[in-house]
N, C-alpha and C. Protein backbone atom coordinates (compact mmCIF):
# COMPACT_ATOMS: atom_id res chain seq x y z
N MET A 1 -22.91 11.59 1.33
CA MET A 1 -22.46 12.50 0.29
C MET A 1 -22.73 11.84 -1.07
N GLY A 2 -23.37 12.53 -1.96
CA GLY A 2 -23.69 11.98 -3.28
C GLY A 2 -23.03 12.78 -4.38
N PRO A 3 -23.24 12.38 -5.62
CA PRO A 3 -22.57 13.03 -6.74
C PRO A 3 -22.85 14.51 -6.86
N THR A 4 -24.04 14.96 -6.47
CA THR A 4 -24.35 16.37 -6.63
C THR A 4 -23.54 17.25 -5.69
N THR A 5 -22.99 16.69 -4.61
CA THR A 5 -22.16 17.47 -3.71
C THR A 5 -20.70 17.45 -4.15
N ILE A 6 -20.36 16.61 -5.10
CA ILE A 6 -18.98 16.49 -5.54
C ILE A 6 -18.72 17.29 -6.81
N PHE A 7 -19.63 17.21 -7.77
CA PHE A 7 -19.44 17.83 -9.07
C PHE A 7 -20.38 19.01 -9.24
N PRO A 8 -19.99 20.00 -10.05
CA PRO A 8 -20.90 21.11 -10.34
C PRO A 8 -22.17 20.58 -11.00
N GLY A 9 -23.28 21.28 -10.79
CA GLY A 9 -24.56 20.85 -11.34
C GLY A 9 -24.53 20.61 -12.83
N SER A 10 -23.81 21.46 -13.58
CA SER A 10 -23.77 21.30 -15.03
C SER A 10 -23.12 19.98 -15.42
N PHE A 11 -22.11 19.56 -14.66
CA PHE A 11 -21.44 18.28 -14.94
C PHE A 11 -22.41 17.12 -14.71
N VAL A 12 -23.09 17.15 -13.56
CA VAL A 12 -24.02 16.07 -13.21
C VAL A 12 -25.15 16.01 -14.22
N ASN A 13 -25.73 17.15 -14.55
CA ASN A 13 -26.84 17.18 -15.51
C ASN A 13 -26.38 16.67 -16.87
N GLY A 14 -25.19 17.05 -17.30
CA GLY A 14 -24.65 16.57 -18.57
C GLY A 14 -24.42 15.08 -18.55
N PHE A 15 -23.93 14.57 -17.44
CA PHE A 15 -23.68 13.13 -17.31
C PHE A 15 -24.99 12.35 -17.34
N LEU A 16 -25.96 12.82 -16.58
CA LEU A 16 -27.22 12.11 -16.48
C LEU A 16 -28.00 12.10 -17.80
N SER A 17 -27.70 13.05 -18.68
CA SER A 17 -28.42 13.08 -19.96
C SER A 17 -27.76 12.20 -21.02
N GLN A 18 -26.65 11.57 -20.71
CA GLN A 18 -25.93 10.73 -21.67
C GLN A 18 -26.57 9.36 -21.80
N LYS A 19 -26.36 8.75 -22.96
CA LYS A 19 -26.81 7.38 -23.18
C LYS A 19 -25.81 6.43 -22.54
N LEU A 20 -26.30 5.33 -22.01
CA LEU A 20 -25.44 4.34 -21.38
C LEU A 20 -25.37 3.10 -22.26
N ASN A 21 -24.23 2.45 -22.23
CA ASN A 21 -24.04 1.19 -22.93
C ASN A 21 -23.85 0.13 -21.84
N VAL A 22 -24.85 -0.70 -21.61
CA VAL A 22 -24.80 -1.71 -20.57
C VAL A 22 -24.34 -3.02 -21.18
N CYS A 23 -23.27 -3.58 -20.63
CA CYS A 23 -22.74 -4.86 -21.10
C CYS A 23 -22.92 -5.90 -20.01
N PHE A 24 -23.29 -7.09 -20.38
CA PHE A 24 -23.43 -8.19 -19.44
C PHE A 24 -22.27 -9.15 -19.66
N SER A 25 -21.57 -9.46 -18.59
CA SER A 25 -20.42 -10.36 -18.69
C SER A 25 -20.86 -11.80 -18.49
N LYS A 26 -20.23 -12.69 -19.22
CA LYS A 26 -20.50 -14.12 -19.08
C LYS A 26 -19.37 -14.79 -18.30
N THR A 27 -18.95 -14.12 -17.24
CA THR A 27 -17.86 -14.63 -16.41
C THR A 27 -18.21 -16.02 -15.89
N ILE A 28 -17.24 -16.88 -15.92
CA ILE A 28 -17.44 -18.25 -15.47
C ILE A 28 -17.40 -18.27 -13.94
N ARG A 29 -18.58 -18.46 -13.33
CA ARG A 29 -18.70 -18.40 -11.87
C ARG A 29 -17.81 -19.43 -11.16
N LYS A 30 -17.67 -20.58 -11.76
CA LYS A 30 -16.88 -21.63 -11.13
C LYS A 30 -15.43 -21.16 -10.96
N LEU A 31 -14.86 -20.51 -11.99
CA LEU A 31 -13.49 -20.02 -11.91
C LEU A 31 -13.36 -18.87 -10.91
N VAL A 32 -14.37 -18.02 -10.84
CA VAL A 32 -14.35 -16.94 -9.85
C VAL A 32 -14.38 -17.54 -8.45
N GLY A 33 -15.16 -18.60 -8.27
CA GLY A 33 -15.21 -19.27 -6.98
C GLY A 33 -13.87 -19.86 -6.58
N VAL A 34 -13.10 -20.30 -7.56
CA VAL A 34 -11.79 -20.89 -7.29
C VAL A 34 -10.72 -19.81 -7.10
N TYR A 35 -10.69 -18.82 -8.01
CA TYR A 35 -9.60 -17.84 -8.02
C TYR A 35 -9.93 -16.51 -7.34
N GLY A 36 -11.19 -16.23 -7.11
CA GLY A 36 -11.56 -15.01 -6.41
C GLY A 36 -12.09 -13.90 -7.31
N LYS A 37 -12.49 -12.80 -6.65
CA LYS A 37 -13.14 -11.70 -7.36
C LYS A 37 -12.22 -11.02 -8.36
N GLY A 38 -10.92 -11.04 -8.13
CA GLY A 38 -9.98 -10.43 -9.08
C GLY A 38 -10.00 -11.11 -10.43
N TYR A 39 -10.20 -12.41 -10.42
CA TYR A 39 -10.32 -13.15 -11.67
C TYR A 39 -11.57 -12.68 -12.42
N GLY A 40 -12.66 -12.57 -11.69
CA GLY A 40 -13.90 -12.10 -12.30
C GLY A 40 -13.79 -10.69 -12.82
N GLU A 41 -13.09 -9.83 -12.08
CA GLU A 41 -12.89 -8.44 -12.51
C GLU A 41 -12.13 -8.40 -13.83
N GLY A 42 -11.10 -9.21 -13.97
CA GLY A 42 -10.35 -9.27 -15.22
C GLY A 42 -11.21 -9.70 -16.38
N GLU A 43 -12.04 -10.72 -16.15
CA GLU A 43 -12.96 -11.20 -17.19
C GLU A 43 -13.95 -10.11 -17.59
N ILE A 44 -14.50 -9.40 -16.61
CA ILE A 44 -15.51 -8.37 -16.87
C ILE A 44 -14.92 -7.23 -17.69
N VAL A 45 -13.73 -6.75 -17.31
CA VAL A 45 -13.11 -5.65 -18.06
C VAL A 45 -12.81 -6.08 -19.49
N ASN A 46 -12.27 -7.28 -19.65
CA ASN A 46 -11.98 -7.77 -21.01
C ASN A 46 -13.25 -7.92 -21.84
N ASP A 47 -14.33 -8.43 -21.23
CA ASP A 47 -15.61 -8.53 -21.93
C ASP A 47 -16.11 -7.16 -22.36
N ALA A 48 -16.00 -6.18 -21.47
CA ALA A 48 -16.45 -4.83 -21.79
C ALA A 48 -15.64 -4.25 -22.94
N LEU A 49 -14.34 -4.48 -22.93
CA LEU A 49 -13.49 -3.97 -24.02
C LEU A 49 -13.86 -4.60 -25.36
N LYS A 50 -14.29 -5.84 -25.34
CA LYS A 50 -14.67 -6.52 -26.58
C LYS A 50 -16.06 -6.12 -27.07
N ASN A 51 -16.99 -5.86 -26.12
CA ASN A 51 -18.40 -5.73 -26.49
C ASN A 51 -19.01 -4.33 -26.37
N SER A 52 -18.33 -3.40 -25.72
CA SER A 52 -18.91 -2.08 -25.53
C SER A 52 -18.75 -1.22 -26.77
N VAL A 53 -19.84 -0.64 -27.22
CA VAL A 53 -19.82 0.27 -28.37
C VAL A 53 -18.92 1.47 -28.05
N TYR A 54 -19.07 2.02 -26.85
CA TYR A 54 -18.31 3.21 -26.47
C TYR A 54 -16.82 2.91 -26.27
N LEU A 55 -16.52 1.81 -25.62
CA LEU A 55 -15.11 1.46 -25.42
C LEU A 55 -14.42 1.14 -26.73
N ASN A 56 -15.13 0.54 -27.66
CA ASN A 56 -14.55 0.26 -28.98
C ASN A 56 -14.20 1.54 -29.71
N ALA A 57 -14.93 2.61 -29.45
CA ALA A 57 -14.69 3.89 -30.12
C ALA A 57 -13.71 4.78 -29.37
N SER A 58 -13.21 4.31 -28.23
CA SER A 58 -12.33 5.13 -27.38
C SER A 58 -10.90 4.62 -27.40
N ASP A 59 -9.98 5.52 -27.10
CA ASP A 59 -8.57 5.14 -27.00
C ASP A 59 -8.15 4.85 -25.56
N TYR A 60 -8.96 5.27 -24.61
CA TYR A 60 -8.65 5.08 -23.19
C TYR A 60 -9.96 4.90 -22.42
N PHE A 61 -9.84 4.49 -21.16
CA PHE A 61 -11.03 4.38 -20.32
C PHE A 61 -10.65 4.59 -18.86
N VAL A 62 -11.66 4.85 -18.06
CA VAL A 62 -11.51 5.00 -16.61
C VAL A 62 -12.28 3.86 -15.98
N LYS A 63 -11.63 3.12 -15.12
CA LYS A 63 -12.29 2.01 -14.42
C LYS A 63 -12.54 2.46 -12.99
N CYS A 64 -13.80 2.38 -12.57
CA CYS A 64 -14.16 2.66 -11.18
C CYS A 64 -15.14 1.59 -10.75
N THR A 65 -14.82 0.91 -9.67
CA THR A 65 -15.66 -0.15 -9.16
C THR A 65 -17.05 0.39 -8.85
N ALA A 66 -18.08 -0.40 -9.18
CA ALA A 66 -19.47 0.01 -8.94
C ALA A 66 -19.69 0.39 -7.49
N LYS A 67 -20.60 1.28 -7.27
CA LYS A 67 -20.99 1.80 -5.95
C LYS A 67 -19.91 2.67 -5.32
N LEU A 68 -18.90 3.04 -6.08
CA LEU A 68 -17.87 3.96 -5.58
C LEU A 68 -17.86 5.21 -6.45
N TRP A 69 -17.43 6.30 -5.88
CA TRP A 69 -17.18 7.50 -6.66
C TRP A 69 -15.92 8.16 -6.12
N VAL A 70 -15.28 8.92 -6.98
CA VAL A 70 -14.01 9.55 -6.66
C VAL A 70 -14.24 11.05 -6.53
N GLU A 71 -14.14 11.53 -5.30
CA GLU A 71 -14.38 12.95 -5.04
C GLU A 71 -13.41 13.83 -5.81
N THR A 72 -12.19 13.37 -5.98
CA THR A 72 -11.14 14.15 -6.64
C THR A 72 -10.94 13.73 -8.09
N PHE A 73 -12.01 13.26 -8.73
CA PHE A 73 -11.92 12.73 -10.10
C PHE A 73 -11.28 13.73 -11.07
N LEU A 74 -11.73 14.97 -11.06
CA LEU A 74 -11.19 15.95 -12.01
C LEU A 74 -9.71 16.22 -11.75
N ASP A 75 -9.29 16.22 -10.49
CA ASP A 75 -7.86 16.37 -10.16
C ASP A 75 -7.06 15.19 -10.70
N CYS A 76 -7.63 13.99 -10.59
CA CYS A 76 -6.95 12.79 -11.10
C CYS A 76 -6.80 12.86 -12.62
N VAL A 77 -7.83 13.31 -13.30
CA VAL A 77 -7.79 13.41 -14.76
C VAL A 77 -6.71 14.42 -15.20
N ARG A 78 -6.52 15.46 -14.42
CA ARG A 78 -5.48 16.46 -14.76
C ARG A 78 -4.08 15.85 -14.76
N GLU A 79 -3.88 14.76 -14.03
CA GLU A 79 -2.57 14.10 -13.97
C GLU A 79 -2.36 13.10 -15.10
N TRP A 80 -3.37 12.90 -15.94
CA TRP A 80 -3.34 11.87 -16.98
C TRP A 80 -2.08 11.96 -17.82
N THR A 81 -1.40 10.83 -17.97
CA THR A 81 -0.14 10.75 -18.71
C THR A 81 -0.30 10.16 -20.10
N GLY A 82 -1.45 9.58 -20.38
CA GLY A 82 -1.70 9.00 -21.69
C GLY A 82 -1.52 7.50 -21.74
N THR A 83 -1.02 6.88 -20.67
CA THR A 83 -0.84 5.42 -20.68
C THR A 83 -1.61 4.75 -19.53
N PHE A 84 -1.12 4.91 -18.30
CA PHE A 84 -1.74 4.27 -17.15
C PHE A 84 -1.48 5.13 -15.93
N LEU A 85 -2.53 5.32 -15.14
CA LEU A 85 -2.40 6.12 -13.93
C LEU A 85 -3.27 5.49 -12.85
N CYS A 86 -2.65 5.21 -11.69
CA CYS A 86 -3.37 4.49 -10.64
C CYS A 86 -2.80 4.88 -9.28
N LYS A 87 -3.38 4.31 -8.24
CA LYS A 87 -2.89 4.52 -6.88
C LYS A 87 -2.19 3.25 -6.43
N GLY A 88 -1.01 3.41 -5.86
CA GLY A 88 -0.31 2.28 -5.28
C GLY A 88 -0.43 2.33 -3.77
N TYR A 89 -0.41 1.18 -3.13
CA TYR A 89 -0.42 1.14 -1.67
C TYR A 89 0.94 0.66 -1.20
N PHE A 90 1.49 1.39 -0.24
CA PHE A 90 2.81 1.09 0.31
C PHE A 90 2.69 0.76 1.78
N ALA A 91 3.29 -0.36 2.19
CA ALA A 91 3.24 -0.82 3.58
C ALA A 91 4.49 -0.37 4.33
N ASP A 92 4.37 -0.28 5.63
CA ASP A 92 5.48 0.04 6.55
C ASP A 92 6.09 1.41 6.29
N VAL A 93 5.28 2.37 5.85
CA VAL A 93 5.77 3.72 5.60
C VAL A 93 6.08 4.42 6.91
N PHE A 94 5.28 4.15 7.94
CA PHE A 94 5.42 4.84 9.22
C PHE A 94 6.14 3.98 10.28
N SER A 95 6.92 3.00 9.84
CA SER A 95 7.61 2.14 10.79
C SER A 95 9.10 2.14 10.49
N PHE A 96 9.84 1.39 11.29
CA PHE A 96 11.27 1.28 11.07
C PHE A 96 11.61 0.18 10.06
N LYS A 97 10.59 -0.56 9.65
CA LYS A 97 10.80 -1.58 8.64
C LYS A 97 10.98 -0.91 7.27
N ARG A 98 11.51 -1.68 6.35
CA ARG A 98 11.69 -1.17 4.98
C ARG A 98 10.32 -1.03 4.30
N THR A 99 10.06 0.12 3.69
CA THR A 99 8.80 0.36 2.99
C THR A 99 8.69 -0.57 1.80
N ARG A 100 7.48 -1.15 1.62
CA ARG A 100 7.23 -2.08 0.52
C ARG A 100 6.11 -1.57 -0.37
N PHE A 101 6.28 -1.74 -1.67
CA PHE A 101 5.22 -1.47 -2.64
C PHE A 101 4.32 -2.69 -2.59
N GLU A 102 3.20 -2.58 -1.90
CA GLU A 102 2.36 -3.74 -1.60
C GLU A 102 1.43 -4.13 -2.75
N TYR A 103 0.71 -3.17 -3.32
CA TYR A 103 -0.23 -3.50 -4.40
C TYR A 103 -0.73 -2.24 -5.11
N ILE A 104 -1.42 -2.46 -6.23
CA ILE A 104 -2.10 -1.40 -6.98
C ILE A 104 -3.57 -1.42 -6.56
N ASP A 105 -4.11 -0.27 -6.31
CA ASP A 105 -5.53 -0.15 -5.96
C ASP A 105 -6.33 -0.23 -7.27
N THR A 106 -6.99 -1.34 -7.51
CA THR A 106 -7.71 -1.54 -8.78
C THR A 106 -9.16 -1.04 -8.71
N ARG A 107 -9.52 -0.38 -7.62
CA ARG A 107 -10.88 0.17 -7.55
C ARG A 107 -11.05 1.30 -8.57
N PHE A 108 -9.96 2.03 -8.86
CA PHE A 108 -10.05 3.19 -9.75
C PHE A 108 -8.72 3.38 -10.46
N TYR A 109 -8.76 3.49 -11.78
CA TYR A 109 -7.56 3.83 -12.55
C TYR A 109 -7.95 4.37 -13.91
N LEU A 110 -7.00 5.07 -14.54
CA LEU A 110 -7.14 5.59 -15.89
C LEU A 110 -6.13 4.85 -16.76
N VAL A 111 -6.54 4.42 -17.95
CA VAL A 111 -5.62 3.61 -18.76
C VAL A 111 -5.96 3.73 -20.25
N SER A 112 -4.93 3.72 -21.08
CA SER A 112 -5.17 3.64 -22.53
C SER A 112 -5.48 2.19 -22.86
N LYS A 113 -6.32 2.00 -23.87
CA LYS A 113 -6.66 0.62 -24.25
C LYS A 113 -5.44 -0.14 -24.73
N SER A 114 -4.53 0.53 -25.42
CA SER A 114 -3.35 -0.17 -25.92
C SER A 114 -2.47 -0.65 -24.76
N PHE A 115 -2.30 0.18 -23.73
CA PHE A 115 -1.51 -0.21 -22.56
C PHE A 115 -2.20 -1.37 -21.85
N TYR A 116 -3.50 -1.24 -21.63
CA TYR A 116 -4.24 -2.29 -20.94
C TYR A 116 -4.12 -3.62 -21.69
N SER A 117 -4.35 -3.57 -22.99
CA SER A 117 -4.31 -4.80 -23.79
C SER A 117 -2.94 -5.46 -23.76
N LYS A 118 -1.91 -4.65 -23.83
CA LYS A 118 -0.55 -5.19 -23.89
C LYS A 118 -0.06 -5.70 -22.54
N TYR A 119 -0.37 -4.98 -21.46
CA TYR A 119 0.25 -5.31 -20.17
C TYR A 119 -0.70 -5.84 -19.08
N LEU A 120 -1.96 -5.41 -19.08
CA LEU A 120 -2.83 -5.72 -17.95
C LEU A 120 -3.96 -6.71 -18.24
N ALA A 121 -4.33 -6.86 -19.51
CA ALA A 121 -5.50 -7.67 -19.86
C ALA A 121 -5.39 -9.12 -19.40
N SER A 122 -4.20 -9.66 -19.35
CA SER A 122 -4.06 -11.06 -18.93
C SER A 122 -3.53 -11.20 -17.50
N ALA A 123 -3.33 -10.10 -16.80
CA ALA A 123 -2.80 -10.16 -15.43
C ALA A 123 -3.68 -10.99 -14.51
N TYR A 124 -4.98 -10.94 -14.71
CA TYR A 124 -5.91 -11.68 -13.84
C TYR A 124 -5.70 -13.19 -13.91
N LEU A 125 -5.08 -13.67 -14.97
CA LEU A 125 -4.83 -15.12 -15.10
C LEU A 125 -3.82 -15.62 -14.06
N ASN A 126 -3.09 -14.69 -13.43
CA ASN A 126 -2.12 -15.05 -12.39
C ASN A 126 -2.69 -14.97 -10.98
N VAL A 127 -3.98 -14.64 -10.87
CA VAL A 127 -4.63 -14.53 -9.56
C VAL A 127 -4.67 -15.92 -8.91
N GLY A 128 -4.48 -15.94 -7.60
CA GLY A 128 -4.50 -17.21 -6.86
C GLY A 128 -3.15 -17.88 -6.92
N GLY A 129 -3.12 -19.12 -7.30
CA GLY A 129 -1.86 -19.85 -7.42
C GLY A 129 -1.20 -20.12 -6.09
N GLU A 130 0.04 -20.59 -6.17
CA GLU A 130 0.79 -20.94 -4.96
C GLU A 130 1.03 -19.74 -4.06
N ARG A 131 1.20 -18.56 -4.66
CA ARG A 131 1.47 -17.36 -3.87
C ARG A 131 0.20 -16.69 -3.38
N GLY A 132 -0.97 -17.15 -3.84
CA GLY A 132 -2.24 -16.58 -3.40
C GLY A 132 -2.39 -15.12 -3.79
N LEU A 133 -2.00 -14.78 -5.01
CA LEU A 133 -2.01 -13.39 -5.45
C LEU A 133 -3.42 -12.88 -5.73
N SER A 134 -3.63 -11.61 -5.42
CA SER A 134 -4.86 -10.92 -5.79
C SER A 134 -4.60 -10.17 -7.10
N LEU A 135 -5.66 -9.65 -7.71
CA LEU A 135 -5.48 -8.86 -8.93
C LEU A 135 -4.60 -7.64 -8.65
N GLU A 136 -4.76 -7.06 -7.47
CA GLU A 136 -3.96 -5.90 -7.07
C GLU A 136 -2.47 -6.23 -7.05
N HIS A 137 -2.11 -7.41 -6.58
CA HIS A 137 -0.71 -7.85 -6.58
C HIS A 137 -0.23 -8.12 -8.01
N CYS A 138 -1.09 -8.70 -8.82
CA CYS A 138 -0.71 -9.00 -10.21
C CYS A 138 -0.45 -7.72 -11.00
N PHE A 139 -1.26 -6.69 -10.80
CA PHE A 139 -1.02 -5.39 -11.45
C PHE A 139 0.32 -4.82 -10.98
N ARG A 140 0.58 -4.90 -9.67
CA ARG A 140 1.87 -4.42 -9.14
C ARG A 140 3.03 -5.15 -9.80
N ASP A 141 2.92 -6.45 -9.94
CA ASP A 141 3.99 -7.23 -10.54
C ASP A 141 4.26 -6.81 -11.98
N VAL A 142 3.20 -6.52 -12.73
CA VAL A 142 3.37 -6.05 -14.11
C VAL A 142 4.14 -4.73 -14.12
N ILE A 143 3.80 -3.83 -13.21
CA ILE A 143 4.47 -2.52 -13.12
C ILE A 143 5.95 -2.71 -12.81
N LEU A 144 6.25 -3.55 -11.83
CA LEU A 144 7.64 -3.76 -11.42
C LEU A 144 8.45 -4.51 -12.47
N GLU A 145 7.89 -5.54 -13.06
CA GLU A 145 8.60 -6.34 -14.06
C GLU A 145 8.97 -5.51 -15.30
N ASN A 146 8.11 -4.56 -15.65
CA ASN A 146 8.35 -3.73 -16.83
C ASN A 146 9.02 -2.41 -16.51
N LYS A 147 9.29 -2.18 -15.23
CA LYS A 147 9.99 -0.96 -14.76
C LYS A 147 9.33 0.31 -15.29
N PHE A 148 7.98 0.36 -15.18
CA PHE A 148 7.25 1.54 -15.62
C PHE A 148 7.50 2.71 -14.69
N SER A 149 7.45 3.90 -15.22
CA SER A 149 7.57 5.11 -14.41
C SER A 149 6.37 6.01 -14.70
N LYS A 150 6.17 6.97 -13.83
CA LYS A 150 5.09 7.96 -13.96
C LYS A 150 3.72 7.30 -14.10
N ILE A 151 3.44 6.32 -13.28
CA ILE A 151 2.16 5.63 -13.37
C ILE A 151 1.31 5.76 -12.10
N LEU A 152 1.87 6.37 -11.04
CA LEU A 152 1.11 6.53 -9.80
C LEU A 152 0.66 7.97 -9.62
N PHE A 153 -0.57 8.13 -9.12
CA PHE A 153 -1.10 9.47 -8.84
C PHE A 153 -0.18 10.19 -7.87
N ASN A 154 0.04 11.48 -8.11
CA ASN A 154 0.81 12.30 -7.19
C ASN A 154 -0.02 12.74 -5.99
N MET A 155 -1.34 12.74 -6.17
CA MET A 155 -2.27 13.03 -5.07
C MET A 155 -3.20 11.81 -4.97
N PRO A 156 -3.42 11.30 -3.77
CA PRO A 156 -4.25 10.10 -3.66
C PRO A 156 -5.70 10.40 -4.02
N PRO A 157 -6.33 9.56 -4.85
CA PRO A 157 -7.75 9.74 -5.14
C PRO A 157 -8.55 9.57 -3.84
N VAL A 158 -9.54 10.42 -3.65
CA VAL A 158 -10.40 10.30 -2.47
C VAL A 158 -11.65 9.54 -2.91
N ILE A 159 -11.77 8.31 -2.42
CA ILE A 159 -12.81 7.39 -2.87
C ILE A 159 -13.84 7.18 -1.76
N TYR A 160 -15.12 7.29 -2.15
CA TYR A 160 -16.24 7.06 -1.24
C TYR A 160 -17.13 5.97 -1.81
N GLY A 161 -17.96 5.38 -0.96
CA GLY A 161 -18.95 4.42 -1.42
C GLY A 161 -18.81 3.08 -0.74
N VAL A 162 -19.40 2.06 -1.38
CA VAL A 162 -19.42 0.71 -0.82
C VAL A 162 -18.71 -0.24 -1.78
N GLY A 163 -17.73 -0.98 -1.29
CA GLY A 163 -16.98 -1.93 -2.10
C GLY A 163 -17.87 -3.09 -2.53
N GLY A 164 -17.79 -3.46 -3.81
CA GLY A 164 -18.64 -4.51 -4.36
C GLY A 164 -18.36 -5.89 -3.80
N GLY A 165 -17.11 -6.27 -3.67
CA GLY A 165 -16.78 -7.62 -3.24
C GLY A 165 -16.89 -7.84 -1.74
N THR A 166 -16.62 -6.80 -0.97
CA THR A 166 -16.56 -6.95 0.48
C THR A 166 -17.69 -6.26 1.21
N GLY A 167 -18.36 -5.31 0.56
CA GLY A 167 -19.39 -4.53 1.24
C GLY A 167 -18.80 -3.49 2.17
N THR A 168 -17.47 -3.28 2.09
CA THR A 168 -16.80 -2.29 2.93
C THR A 168 -17.28 -0.89 2.56
N HIS A 169 -17.63 -0.09 3.56
CA HIS A 169 -18.03 1.29 3.33
C HIS A 169 -16.78 2.17 3.45
N TYR A 170 -16.42 2.82 2.35
CA TYR A 170 -15.22 3.65 2.35
C TYR A 170 -15.56 5.06 2.78
N LYS A 171 -14.93 5.47 3.88
CA LYS A 171 -15.11 6.83 4.40
C LYS A 171 -13.75 7.49 4.42
N ASN A 172 -13.72 8.75 4.16
CA ASN A 172 -12.45 9.47 4.15
C ASN A 172 -12.56 10.69 5.05
N ASN A 173 -12.43 10.47 6.34
CA ASN A 173 -12.48 11.60 7.25
C ASN A 173 -11.18 12.39 7.15
N LEU A 174 -11.14 13.53 7.76
CA LEU A 174 -9.98 14.42 7.67
C LEU A 174 -8.70 13.73 8.13
N LYS A 175 -8.76 12.98 9.21
CA LYS A 175 -7.58 12.28 9.73
C LYS A 175 -7.01 11.32 8.68
N ARG A 176 -7.90 10.56 8.03
CA ARG A 176 -7.44 9.61 7.01
C ARG A 176 -6.84 10.33 5.80
N LYS A 177 -7.47 11.43 5.39
CA LYS A 177 -6.95 12.19 4.24
C LYS A 177 -5.55 12.73 4.53
N ILE A 178 -5.35 13.23 5.74
CA ILE A 178 -4.04 13.76 6.13
C ILE A 178 -3.02 12.63 6.16
N LYS A 179 -3.39 11.49 6.74
CA LYS A 179 -2.47 10.35 6.82
C LYS A 179 -2.08 9.87 5.43
N GLU A 180 -3.05 9.76 4.51
CA GLU A 180 -2.76 9.32 3.14
C GLU A 180 -1.86 10.32 2.42
N SER A 181 -2.09 11.59 2.65
CA SER A 181 -1.26 12.63 2.03
C SER A 181 0.18 12.56 2.53
N ILE A 182 0.36 12.37 3.83
CA ILE A 182 1.71 12.25 4.41
C ILE A 182 2.38 10.96 3.92
N ARG A 183 1.63 9.85 3.89
CA ARG A 183 2.16 8.58 3.41
C ARG A 183 2.70 8.74 1.99
N LEU A 184 1.90 9.36 1.15
CA LEU A 184 2.29 9.54 -0.25
C LEU A 184 3.51 10.44 -0.38
N ARG A 185 3.56 11.50 0.40
CA ARG A 185 4.70 12.41 0.36
C ARG A 185 5.99 11.70 0.75
N ILE A 186 5.93 10.87 1.78
CA ILE A 186 7.11 10.12 2.23
C ILE A 186 7.56 9.15 1.14
N VAL A 187 6.60 8.42 0.55
CA VAL A 187 6.95 7.43 -0.47
C VAL A 187 7.52 8.10 -1.71
N ARG A 188 6.95 9.23 -2.11
CA ARG A 188 7.42 9.93 -3.32
C ARG A 188 8.88 10.37 -3.18
N HIS A 189 9.33 10.59 -1.95
CA HIS A 189 10.72 11.01 -1.72
C HIS A 189 11.66 9.84 -1.45
N ASN A 190 11.14 8.65 -1.48
CA ASN A 190 11.94 7.45 -1.29
C ASN A 190 12.58 7.09 -2.64
N ARG A 191 13.89 7.02 -2.70
CA ARG A 191 14.59 6.73 -3.98
C ARG A 191 14.14 5.45 -4.65
N SER A 192 13.72 4.49 -3.85
CA SER A 192 13.28 3.21 -4.40
C SER A 192 11.99 3.34 -5.22
N PHE A 193 11.21 4.40 -4.95
CA PHE A 193 9.88 4.49 -5.55
C PHE A 193 9.61 5.79 -6.32
N ASN A 194 10.49 6.79 -6.21
CA ASN A 194 10.13 8.09 -6.79
C ASN A 194 9.93 8.06 -8.30
N SER A 195 10.53 7.14 -9.02
CA SER A 195 10.33 7.06 -10.48
C SER A 195 8.90 6.64 -10.83
N LEU A 196 8.20 6.00 -9.90
CA LEU A 196 6.82 5.61 -10.16
C LEU A 196 5.90 6.83 -10.23
N PHE A 197 6.35 7.94 -9.66
CA PHE A 197 5.56 9.18 -9.63
C PHE A 197 6.04 10.23 -10.62
N GLU A 198 7.32 10.24 -10.91
CA GLU A 198 7.90 11.33 -11.73
C GLU A 198 8.28 10.88 -13.10
């Protein structure tokens, strides 16, 4: 499935006719080797915010990992709150164990530059360490420490493509879509987490 099957032709043609601003990051490979891909991702986003002509002229941006696309992109944009909007992953939703807010899915999110600069731009500096945190865990910690609300998508983004760091091919068959929808519905009604959605 490619972009032409997801978006109307006029959208694709309009997108393809746009000028691109390509930025090259000078991420320190040695530090990425020590701390992992999340560290590199933080460096790359910060470099883009400093050096991109288009990002400098914008108040917000959408981050989507290369080689991925979001089938439900327009639905996600309709939920935009003006600050930060992302997908959270919750563990033990279908078990008798207590449900846990495990991490933020950093493959795709919408964010204002002011929010990113204030709360997320330095999160990658906490990657690794004694707790072995990933960037996804660091983003979650920022959300919890600041007690943010209304920052999680009410409908899970449907993401396709190949993950850059792992080469994982993301497929979303009907069974997975139904499971994700039920998981989200259960979590949204959990008192411990409903403020993250509402």
